[in-house]
Amino acid sequence: MNSKEKRELAENIDEALSDPTADWQFLVMVVISVFIALMILLPKIYLRNSIYYQSRAIDRLETQYGALLEEHKLLSRKVEGMKVKNQILDTLF
């Protein structure tokens, strides 16, 4: 290779590396791609989080409901026992 060919090769490399349109086009494509990905993924993430927290609240309420049912049964038995006791005491007097 002579010096002229080396100079031409160096100029071609510099020209390819310093192409401003390629950098801006790539940056614009990356920004658009990220924006589209966020537009698709953010609603999905929001819905999954909402469903998760709602299911936790429902589970907590179901647990409380079960505990209240058991307490109701216990109180109903106590009231029934008090009614029977009251009826027995009323017949004795």
C-alpha atoms as a PDB file:
ATOM      1  CA  MET A   1       0.000   0.000   0.000  1.00  0.00           C
ATOM      2  CA  ASN A   2       1.272   3.389  -0.851  1.00  0.00           C
ATOM      3  CA  SER A   3       0.687   6.551   1.106  1.00  0.00           C
ATOM      4  CA  LYS A   4      -2.153   7.704  -1.158  1.00  0.00           C
ATOM      5  CA  GLU A   5      -4.155   4.513  -0.517  1.00  0.00           C
ATOM      6  CA  LYS A   6      -3.480   4.775   3.207  1.00  0.00           C
ATOM      7  CA  ARG A   7      -4.719   8.352   3.234  1.00  0.00           C
ATOM      8  CA  GLU A   8      -7.880   7.418   1.313  1.00  0.00           C
ATOM      9  CA  LEU A   9      -8.525   4.502   3.645  1.00  0.00           C
ATOM     10  CA  ALA A  10      -8.083   6.745   6.713  1.00  0.00           C
ATOM     11  CA  GLU A  11     -10.420   9.371   5.211  1.00  0.00           C
ATOM     12  CA  ASN A  12     -13.064   6.702   4.511  1.00  0.00           C
ATOM     13  CA  ILE A  13     -12.821   5.399   8.072  1.00  0.00           C
ATOM     14  CA  ASP A  14     -13.089   8.916   9.517  1.00  0.00           C
ATOM     15  CA  GLU A  15     -16.058   9.663   7.288  1.00  0.00           C
ATOM     16  CA  ALA A  16     -17.857   6.481   8.343  1.00  0.00           C
ATOM     17  CA  LEU A  17     -17.194   7.084  12.034  1.00  0.00           C
ATOM     18  CA  SER A  18     -18.244  10.729  12.023  1.00  0.00           C
ATOM     19  CA  ASP A  19     -21.566  10.301  10.196  1.00  0.00           C
ATOM     20  CA  PRO A  20     -23.963  12.399  12.319  1.00  0.00           C
ATOM     21  CA  THR A  21     -27.147  11.116  10.666  1.00  0.00           C
ATOM     22  CA  ALA A  22     -26.489   7.512  11.693  1.00  0.00           C
ATOM     23  CA  ASP A  23     -26.110   8.499  15.331  1.00  0.00           C
ATOM     24  CA  TRP A  24     -29.290  10.578  15.427  1.00  0.00           C
ATOM     25  CA  GLN A  25     -31.328   8.010  13.547  1.00  0.00           C
ATOM     26  CA  PHE A  26     -30.219   5.291  15.898  1.00  0.00           C
ATOM     27  CA  LEU A  27     -30.967   7.441  18.951  1.00  0.00           C
ATOM     28  CA  VAL A  28     -34.438   8.311  17.643  1.00  0.00           C
ATOM     29  CA  MET A  29     -35.186   4.646  16.956  1.00  0.00           C
ATOM     30  CA  VAL A  30     -34.050   3.673  20.453  1.00  0.00           C
ATOM     31  CA  VAL A  31     -36.201   6.393  22.066  1.00  0.00           C
ATOM     32  CA  ILE A  32     -39.232   5.373  20.006  1.00  0.00           C
ATOM     33  CA  SER A  33     -38.667   1.699  20.847  1.00  0.00           C
ATOM     34  CA  VAL A  34     -38.415   2.431  24.570  1.00  0.00           C
ATOM     35  CA  PHE A  35     -41.551   4.587  24.430  1.00  0.00           C
ATOM     36  CA  ILE A  36     -43.530   1.851  22.659  1.00  0.00           C
ATOM     37  CA  ALA A  37     -42.296  -0.771  25.123  1.00  0.00           C
ATOM     38  CA  LEU A  38     -43.359   1.421  28.048  1.00  0.00           C
ATOM     39  CA  MET A  39     -46.765   2.055  26.491  1.00  0.00           C
ATOM     40  CA  ILE A  40     -47.295  -1.692  26.213  1.00  0.00           C
ATOM     41  CA  LEU A  41     -45.810  -2.790  29.549  1.00  0.00           C
ATOM     42  CA  LEU A  42     -46.940  -0.087  32.004  1.00  0.00           C
ATOM     43  CA  PRO A  43     -50.682  -0.884  31.813  1.00  0.00           C
ATOM     44  CA  LYS A  44     -49.899  -4.573  32.235  1.00  0.00           C
ATOM     45  CA  ILE A  45     -47.753  -3.896  35.318  1.00  0.00           C
ATOM     46  CA  TYR A  46     -50.416  -1.590  36.771  1.00  0.00           C
ATOM     47  CA  LEU A  47     -53.158  -4.182  36.280  1.00  0.00           C
ATOM     48  CA  ARG A  48     -51.089  -6.979  37.811  1.00  0.00           C
ATOM     49  CA  ASN A  49     -50.320  -4.870  40.882  1.00  0.00           C
ATOM     50  CA  SER A  50     -53.963  -3.863  41.231  1.00  0.00           C
ATOM     51  CA  ILE A  51     -55.132  -7.458  40.989  1.00  0.00           C
ATOM     52  CA  TYR A  52     -52.518  -8.565  43.529  1.00  0.00           C
ATOM     53  CA  TYR A  53     -53.489  -5.961  46.124  1.00  0.00           C
ATOM     54  CA  GLN A  54     -57.216  -6.530  45.574  1.00  0.00           C
ATOM     55  CA  SER A  55     -56.780 -10.283  46.029  1.00  0.00           C
ATOM     56  CA  ARG A  56     -54.866  -9.656  49.272  1.00  0.00           C
ATOM     57  CA  ALA A  57     -57.718  -7.456  50.527  1.00  0.00           C
ATOM     58  CA  ILE A  58     -60.295 -10.074  49.530  1.00  0.00           C
ATOM     59  CA  ASP A  59     -58.323 -12.818  51.284  1.00  0.00           C
ATOM     60  CA  ARG A  60     -58.118 -10.722  54.461  1.00  0.00           C
ATOM     61  CA  LEU A  61     -61.870 -10.059  54.348  1.00  0.00           C
ATOM     62  CA  GLU A  62     -62.627 -13.754  53.803  1.00  0.00           C
ATOM     63  CA  THR A  63     -60.500 -14.625  56.836  1.00  0.00           C
ATOM     64  CA  GLN A  64     -62.339 -12.064  58.948  1.00  0.00           C
ATOM     65  CA  TYR A  65     -65.686 -13.340  57.641  1.00  0.00           C
ATOM     66  CA  GLY A  66     -64.812 -16.912  58.652  1.00  0.00           C
ATOM     67  CA  ALA A  67     -63.772 -15.751  62.123  1.00  0.00           C
ATOM     68  CA  LEU A  68     -67.006 -13.784  62.513  1.00  0.00           C
ATOM     69  CA  LEU A  69     -69.079 -16.804  61.463  1.00  0.00           C
ATOM     70  CA  GLU A  70     -67.398 -18.928  64.115  1.00  0.00           C
ATOM     71  CA  GLU A  71     -67.949 -16.208  66.701  1.00  0.00           C
ATOM     72  CA  HIS A  72     -71.598 -15.993  65.674  1.00  0.00           C
ATOM     73  CA  LYS A  73     -72.004 -19.748  66.147  1.00  0.00           C
ATOM     74  CA  LEU A  74     -70.383 -19.536  69.584  1.00  0.00           C
ATOM     75  CA  LEU A  75     -72.581 -16.631  70.638  1.00  0.00           C
ATOM     76  CA  SER A  76     -75.700 -18.371  69.311  1.00  0.00           C
ATOM     77  CA  ARG A  77     -74.888 -21.421  71.458  1.00  0.00           C
ATOM     78  CA  LYS A  78     -74.387 -19.204  74.512  1.00  0.00           C
ATOM     79  CA  VAL A  79     -77.692 -17.408  73.898  1.00  0.00           C
ATOM     80  CA  GLU A  80     -79.475 -20.707  73.431  1.00  0.00           C
ATOM     81  CA  GLY A  81     -77.967 -21.998  76.672  1.00  0.00           C
ATOM     82  CA  MET A  82     -79.080 -18.851  78.491  1.00  0.00           C
ATOM     83  CA  LYS A  83     -82.614 -19.225  77.081  1.00  0.00           C
ATOM     84  CA  VAL A  84     -82.818 -22.830  78.268  1.00  0.00           C
ATOM     85  CA  LYS A  85     -81.472 -21.855  81.672  1.00  0.00           C
ATOM     86  CA  ASN A  86     -83.979 -19.004  81.886  1.00  0.00           C
ATOM     87  CA  GLN A  87     -86.878 -21.290  80.967  1.00  0.00           C
ATOM     88  CA  ILE A  88     -85.833 -23.824  83.591  1.00  0.00           C
ATOM     89  CA  LEU A  89     -85.562 -21.139  86.259  1.00  0.00           C
ATOM     90  CA  ASP A  90     -88.972 -19.682  85.279  1.00  0.00           C
ATOM     91  CA  THR A  91     -90.671 -23.061  85.724  1.00  0.00           C
ATOM     92  CA  LEU A  92     -89.123 -23.514  89.184  1.00  0.00           C
ATOM     93  CA  PHE A  93     -90.552 -20.283  90.563  1.00  0.00           C
END
